Protein backbone atom coordinates (compact mmCIF):
# COMPACT_ATOMS: atom_id res chain seq x y z
CA UNK A 1 -36.05 9.42 -10.32
CA UNK A 2 -36.70 6.47 -8.26
CA UNK A 3 -37.09 6.61 -4.48
CA UNK A 4 -36.04 4.35 -1.61
CA UNK A 5 -39.74 3.54 -1.13
CA UNK A 6 -40.03 2.29 -4.74
CA UNK A 7 -36.94 0.09 -4.15
CA UNK A 8 -38.45 -1.36 -1.05
CA UNK A 9 -41.68 -2.18 -2.71
CA UNK A 10 -39.99 -3.96 -5.61
CA UNK A 11 -37.67 -5.84 -3.43
CA UNK A 12 -40.53 -6.82 -1.03
CA UNK A 13 -38.67 -5.47 2.14
CA UNK A 14 -39.18 -2.44 4.36
CA UNK A 15 -37.87 1.08 3.72
CA UNK A 16 -35.68 0.66 6.83
CA UNK A 17 -34.12 -2.54 5.33
CA UNK A 18 -33.16 -0.66 2.22
CA UNK A 19 -31.83 2.26 4.24
CA UNK A 20 -29.58 -0.14 6.26
CA UNK A 21 -28.39 -1.70 3.06
CA UNK A 22 -27.49 1.68 1.57
CA UNK A 23 -25.59 2.53 4.71
CA UNK A 24 -23.42 -0.49 4.26
CA UNK A 25 -24.92 -2.63 7.05
CA UNK A 26 -24.96 -6.35 6.68
CA UNK A 27 -28.43 -7.93 5.93
CA UNK A 28 -29.68 -11.47 5.16
CA UNK A 29 -28.01 -12.65 1.91
CA UNK A 30 -31.48 -13.08 0.30
CA UNK A 31 -32.51 -9.43 1.19
CA UNK A 32 -29.28 -8.06 -0.14
CA UNK A 33 -29.67 -9.75 -3.34
CA UNK A 34 -33.43 -8.58 -3.82
CA UNK A 35 -32.44 -4.98 -2.96
CA UNK A 36 -29.40 -4.98 -5.21
CA UNK A 37 -31.78 -6.35 -8.15
CA UNK A 38 -34.33 -3.74 -7.56
CA UNK A 39 -31.75 -0.91 -7.47
CA UNK A 40 -30.43 -2.20 -10.75
CA UNK A 41 -33.84 -2.43 -12.28
CA UNK A 42 -34.98 1.02 -11.19
CA UNK A 43 -31.49 2.62 -11.71
CA UNK A 44 -31.85 4.12 -8.40
CA UNK A 45 -29.31 6.81 -7.39
CA UNK A 46 -28.74 8.07 -3.96
CA UNK A 47 -28.92 11.85 -3.27
CA UNK A 48 -25.56 11.96 -1.63
CA UNK A 49 -25.81 15.79 -0.98
CA UNK A 50 -29.13 15.39 0.93
CA UNK A 51 -27.98 12.34 2.70
CA UNK A 52 -24.82 14.19 3.81
CA UNK A 53 -26.59 17.19 5.15
CA UNK A 54 -29.03 14.97 7.16
CA UNK A 55 -26.17 13.05 8.73
CA UNK A 56 -23.58 15.74 9.00
CA UNK A 57 -21.34 14.04 6.44
CA UNK A 58 -19.60 15.05 3.38
CA UNK A 59 -19.07 11.41 2.02
CA UNK A 60 -15.52 12.27 1.15
CA UNK A 61 -12.30 10.89 2.37
CA UNK A 62 -8.98 12.77 2.51
CA UNK A 63 -5.89 11.02 1.15
CA UNK A 64 -2.58 12.63 2.03
CA UNK A 65 0.47 11.25 0.18
CA UNK A 66 3.81 12.34 -1.19
CA UNK A 67 3.15 11.36 -4.76
CA UNK A 68 0.93 9.06 -6.77
CA UNK A 69 3.58 8.67 -9.52
CA UNK A 70 5.01 5.21 -8.26
CA UNK A 71 3.21 2.08 -9.31
CA UNK A 72 3.03 0.94 -5.72
CA UNK A 73 1.16 4.13 -4.84
CA UNK A 74 -1.07 4.08 -7.72
CA UNK A 75 -2.14 0.62 -7.22
CA UNK A 76 -2.83 1.04 -3.47
CA UNK A 77 -4.85 4.16 -4.27
CA UNK A 78 -6.85 2.18 -6.88
CA UNK A 79 -7.74 -0.46 -4.21
CA UNK A 80 -8.78 2.34 -1.80
CA UNK A 81 -11.00 4.14 -4.46
CA UNK A 82 -12.63 0.92 -5.59
CA UNK A 83 -13.77 0.06 -2.00
CA UNK A 84 -14.95 3.58 -0.85
CA UNK A 85 -16.80 4.22 -3.96
CA UNK A 86 -18.91 1.19 -3.55
CA UNK A 87 -20.05 2.76 -0.31
CA UNK A 88 -20.88 6.15 -1.80
CA UNK A 89 -17.71 7.97 -0.84
CA UNK A 90 -15.31 9.92 -2.99
CA UNK A 91 -11.49 10.48 -2.46
CA UNK A 92 -9.98 14.00 -2.13
CA UNK A 93 -6.34 13.61 -2.84
CA UNK A 94 -3.68 16.05 -1.67
CA UNK A 95 0.12 15.57 -2.28
CA UNK A 96 3.02 17.29 -0.68
CA UNK A 97 5.61 16.58 -3.40
CA UNK A 98 8.67 15.83 -1.29
CA UNK A 99 7.87 19.09 0.67
CA UNK A 100 7.12 17.87 4.14
CA UNK A 101 6.79 21.51 5.36
CA UNK A 102 3.40 21.35 3.42
CA UNK A 103 1.91 18.65 5.29
CA UNK A 104 0.14 20.70 8.06
CA UNK A 105 -1.14 23.00 5.49
CA UNK A 106 -2.41 20.02 3.37
CA UNK A 107 -4.32 18.57 6.49
CA UNK A 108 -5.83 21.90 6.99
CA UNK A 109 -6.96 21.96 3.33
CA UNK A 110 -8.60 18.50 3.66
CA UNK A 111 -10.20 19.35 7.03
CA UNK A 112 -11.61 22.51 5.45
CA UNK A 113 -13.43 20.47 3.00
CA UNK A 114 -15.08 18.57 5.69
CA UNK A 115 -13.76 15.11 5.12
CA UNK A 116 -15.24 12.27 7.10
CA UNK A 117 -11.97 10.29 7.31
CA UNK A 118 -8.29 10.58 6.58
CA UNK A 119 -5.77 8.26 4.96
CA UNK A 120 -2.03 9.20 5.28
CA UNK A 121 0.30 7.46 2.97
CA UNK A 122 4.15 7.55 3.43
CA UNK A 123 4.21 10.79 5.47
CA UNK A 124 5.64 9.57 8.82
CA UNK A 125 9.39 9.74 8.08
CA UNK A 126 9.10 13.20 6.37
CA UNK A 127 6.90 14.79 8.92
CA UNK A 128 7.66 15.05 12.69
CA UNK A 129 3.90 16.08 13.50
CA UNK A 130 2.36 12.71 13.59
CA UNK A 131 0.80 13.32 17.00
CA UNK A 132 -1.54 15.94 15.25
CA UNK A 133 -3.38 12.95 13.70
CA UNK A 134 -4.55 11.59 17.11
CA UNK A 135 -6.28 14.94 17.85
CA UNK A 136 -8.39 15.01 14.73
CA UNK A 137 -12.08 14.42 15.23
CA UNK A 138 -12.23 12.00 12.37
CA UNK A 139 -11.02 8.29 11.80
CA UNK A 140 -7.47 8.28 10.55
CA UNK A 141 -5.55 5.33 8.88
CA UNK A 142 -1.79 5.37 7.92
CA UNK A 143 0.00 3.18 5.51
CA UNK A 144 3.59 2.00 6.25
CA UNK A 145 3.90 4.45 9.21
CA UNK A 146 4.19 2.51 12.59
CA UNK A 147 2.77 4.32 15.38
CA UNK A 148 0.83 3.92 18.55
CA UNK A 149 -1.48 6.85 18.38
CA UNK A 150 -5.01 6.66 19.74
CA UNK A 151 -7.67 7.05 17.04
CA UNK A 152 -5.03 6.21 14.36
CA UNK A 153 -5.09 2.82 12.82
CA UNK A 154 -2.04 1.51 10.83
CA UNK A 155 -1.37 -0.87 7.86
CA UNK A 156 2.05 -2.17 7.68
CA UNK A 157 3.70 -4.74 5.32
CA UNK A 158 6.22 -7.57 6.28
CA UNK A 159 9.08 -6.11 4.40
CA UNK A 160 11.80 -7.25 6.89
CA UNK A 161 10.51 -10.88 7.00
CA UNK A 162 10.03 -11.08 3.28
CA UNK A 163 13.73 -9.76 2.55
CA UNK A 164 15.01 -12.08 5.33
CA UNK A 165 13.23 -15.07 3.63
CA UNK A 166 14.72 -14.19 0.13
CA UNK A 167 18.11 -13.81 1.70
CA UNK A 168 17.79 -17.28 3.28
CA UNK A 169 16.97 -18.74 -0.07
CA UNK A 170 19.94 -17.18 -1.62
CA UNK A 171 22.37 -18.63 1.15
CA UNK A 172 20.59 -21.95 0.77
CA UNK A 173 21.76 -22.03 -2.89
CA UNK A 174 25.27 -21.69 -1.69
CA UNK A 175 26.16 -18.13 -2.43
CA UNK A 176 29.00 -16.51 -0.35
CA UNK A 177 29.09 -13.03 -1.47
CA UNK A 178 25.85 -11.45 -1.83
CA UNK A 179 25.10 -7.82 -2.97
CA UNK A 180 22.08 -5.67 -2.18
CA UNK A 181 20.99 -2.37 -3.56
CA UNK A 182 19.06 -0.68 -0.81
CA UNK A 183 17.11 2.56 -0.92
CA UNK A 184 18.13 5.53 1.10
CA UNK A 185 17.91 4.86 4.77
CA UNK A 186 16.01 7.69 5.85
CA UNK A 187 12.58 6.07 5.40
CA UNK A 188 10.91 3.24 7.22
CA UNK A 189 10.41 0.86 4.30
CA UNK A 190 13.96 1.08 3.14
CA UNK A 191 15.24 0.56 6.67
CA UNK A 192 13.06 -2.50 7.23
CA UNK A 193 14.12 -4.20 3.85
CA UNK A 194 17.92 -3.75 4.80
CA UNK A 195 17.25 -4.85 8.25
CA UNK A 196 15.67 -8.12 6.92
CA UNK A 197 18.77 -8.89 4.94
CA UNK A 198 21.22 -8.12 7.84
CA UNK A 199 19.00 -10.30 10.08
CA UNK A 200 19.54 -13.27 8.02
CA UNK A 201 23.19 -12.58 7.25
CA UNK A 202 24.00 -12.24 10.93
CA UNK A 203 23.52 -16.06 11.29
CA UNK A 204 26.15 -16.79 8.66
CA UNK A 205 29.47 -15.11 9.69
CA UNK A 206 31.11 -16.89 6.87
CA UNK A 207 28.95 -14.95 4.28
CA UNK A 208 29.27 -11.43 3.19
CA UNK A 209 26.65 -8.93 2.43
CA UNK A 210 27.84 -5.93 0.20
CA UNK A 211 25.32 -3.09 0.29
CA UNK A 212 25.04 -0.15 -2.24
CA UNK A 213 22.57 2.51 -1.07
CA UNK A 214 20.56 3.93 -4.03
CA UNK A 215 17.73 6.58 -4.15
CA UNK A 216 14.97 4.56 -5.87
CA UNK A 217 16.14 5.80 -9.40
CA UNK A 218 17.15 3.57 -12.32
CA UNK A 219 20.39 5.39 -12.46
CA UNK A 220 21.29 4.37 -8.93
CA UNK A 221 20.25 0.79 -9.70
CA UNK A 222 22.67 0.93 -12.69
CA UNK A 223 25.52 2.26 -10.59
CA UNK A 224 24.76 -0.22 -7.79
CA UNK A 225 24.96 -3.22 -9.99
CA UNK A 226 28.27 -1.82 -11.37
CA UNK A 227 29.76 -1.21 -7.94
CA UNK A 228 28.61 -4.58 -6.45
CA UNK A 229 29.76 -6.72 -9.34
CA UNK A 230 33.19 -5.18 -8.98
CA UNK A 231 33.22 -6.52 -5.37
CA UNK A 232 32.81 -10.19 -6.74
CA UNK A 233 29.16 -10.84 -5.77
CA UNK A 234 27.45 -13.77 -7.33
CA UNK A 235 23.91 -12.89 -6.23
CA UNK A 236 22.19 -9.54 -6.16
CA UNK A 237 19.08 -8.50 -4.57
CA UNK A 238 17.45 -5.02 -5.44
CA UNK A 239 15.01 -3.65 -2.84
CA UNK A 240 12.86 -1.71 -5.52
CA UNK A 241 11.60 -2.39 -8.89
CA UNK A 242 12.68 0.87 -10.36
CA UNK A 243 16.22 0.41 -9.29
CA UNK A 244 15.95 -3.18 -10.60
CA UNK A 245 15.43 -1.87 -13.99
CA UNK A 246 18.57 0.08 -13.83
CA UNK A 247 20.50 -2.95 -12.43
CA UNK A 248 19.18 -5.19 -15.32
CA UNK A 249 20.23 -2.53 -17.90
CA UNK A 250 23.79 -2.76 -16.62
CA UNK A 251 23.72 -6.52 -16.47
CA UNK A 252 22.56 -6.66 -20.18
CA UNK A 253 24.90 -4.16 -21.46
CA UNK A 254 27.79 -6.20 -19.93
CA UNK A 255 26.74 -9.63 -21.00
CA UNK A 256 26.13 -10.89 -17.57
CA UNK A 257 23.67 -13.80 -17.67
CA UNK A 258 20.99 -14.09 -14.99
CA UNK A 259 20.79 -17.56 -13.65
CA UNK A 260 24.16 -18.40 -14.99
CA UNK A 261 26.56 -15.78 -14.07
CA UNK A 262 24.48 -14.11 -11.39
CA UNK A 263 21.59 -14.94 -9.12
CA UNK A 264 19.04 -11.92 -9.33
CA UNK A 265 16.27 -11.00 -6.95
CA UNK A 266 13.97 -7.96 -6.62
CA UNK A 267 10.51 -6.53 -5.77
CA UNK A 268 8.11 -6.93 -8.62
CA UNK A 269 4.39 -7.14 -9.38
CA UNK A 270 2.25 -10.19 -9.74
CA UNK A 271 -0.02 -8.96 -12.56
CA UNK A 272 2.78 -8.09 -14.94
CA UNK A 273 6.11 -9.87 -14.67
CA UNK A 274 8.17 -7.05 -16.09
CA UNK A 275 11.12 -9.08 -16.70
CA UNK A 276 9.76 -11.99 -18.72
CA UNK A 277 11.03 -15.50 -17.94
CA UNK A 278 14.27 -14.55 -16.32
CA UNK A 279 15.24 -16.98 -13.54
CA UNK A 280 14.75 -14.53 -10.62
CA UNK A 281 13.61 -14.50 -6.96
CA UNK A 282 10.82 -11.88 -6.48
CA UNK A 283 8.93 -10.33 -3.64
CA UNK A 284 5.47 -9.06 -4.92
CA UNK A 285 3.61 -6.53 -2.84
CA UNK A 286 -0.16 -7.13 -2.30
CA UNK A 287 -0.96 -3.51 -3.59
CA UNK A 288 -4.68 -3.85 -4.17
CA UNK A 289 -5.21 -5.87 -1.02
CA UNK A 290 -3.52 -3.12 0.94
CA UNK A 291 -5.84 -0.51 -0.51
CA UNK A 292 -8.92 -2.67 0.14
CA UNK A 293 -7.73 -3.19 3.75
CA UNK A 294 -7.22 0.50 4.39
CA UNK A 295 -10.62 1.34 2.95
CA UNK A 296 -12.28 -1.43 5.12
CA UNK A 297 -10.72 -0.16 8.32
CA UNK A 298 -11.70 3.33 7.64
CA UNK A 299 -15.26 2.56 6.35
CA UNK A 300 -15.95 0.28 9.43
CA UNK A 301 -15.07 3.19 11.78
CA UNK A 302 -17.22 5.53 9.77
CA UNK A 303 -20.34 3.34 9.56
CA UNK A 304 -19.98 2.19 13.26
CA UNK A 305 -18.96 5.71 14.51
CA UNK A 306 -16.29 4.21 16.68
CA UNK A 307 -13.09 5.30 18.27
CA UNK A 308 -9.86 3.32 17.96
CA UNK A 309 -7.00 2.69 20.43
CA UNK A 310 -4.85 2.43 17.32
CA UNK A 311 -4.81 -1.11 15.87
CA UNK A 312 -2.03 -2.29 13.49
CA UNK A 313 -2.71 -4.81 10.64
CA UNK A 314 0.14 -6.53 9.09
CA UNK A 315 0.04 -7.43 5.34
CA UNK A 316 2.16 -10.14 3.74
CA UNK A 317 4.14 -10.09 0.45
CA UNK A 318 4.05 -13.01 -1.89
CA UNK A 319 7.45 -14.50 -2.57
CA UNK A 320 8.31 -16.43 -5.77
CA UNK A 321 11.25 -18.66 -5.97
CA UNK A 322 13.29 -19.26 -9.11
CA UNK A 323 11.68 -20.06 -12.39
């Protein structure tokens, strides 16, 4: 097995320079390239266990989330994993499966495994114990959970502004009666999306917003489309891709033509346009970029061993107009 010294000799740099490279510190581009080439040529592998014992680190990061079953969650986690593995860390995933009473127990489980940092994904609304995160002696980053806790950084997404912009486009196209299938208002993201629609509509008292509250399921999307079409809407925006599938099923079964009988908008994904060439408005979440940003925040704090006053980073959706 190759050693750090052999990597240094082949790259023509000092052992200390190789060590800094392996710890994720920035070096001169030329030195980074030489070290990377030497590592590949020698097939060098770090002894993570020995390194962890020496530095009192486990090189594992805890990820607490409700469920990874949604495409949004899976793609964000993929972005996180991609970045942390490049720096020699592994993810330890723990889910609470719609049982918020388990969250404290899950944190205890992760901490018992000596994680170096913690990512909390979609737990703020379900759990009333967010203050506990600030008391942990490791860096913490939350996703879509606004907070002002010391030692806890946050990644938020501009859901409110994005939906407001889409509603403005719909109004600019002359629509008077606009429908929206919103998700249950007991979570932050759902409230932000509906608030964005209402924010735009408030400036147009002659227009009407008809809202159906779904539950993220295709069935609720189907029922929402049925109920809103009965109210005479000419444009429909669905605030979740799964509910959009249900709404489109209803439209197809009833011969309602998108782009002719109804303007349609929804949340979608940039890499796979699920609905083909339909003339739609879409909001596309930057899922992988969110994951990479979360990982960067956490890794920066781990590598620099810094505390945080609780910074917030706002990510932006991509909005696509009509085809």
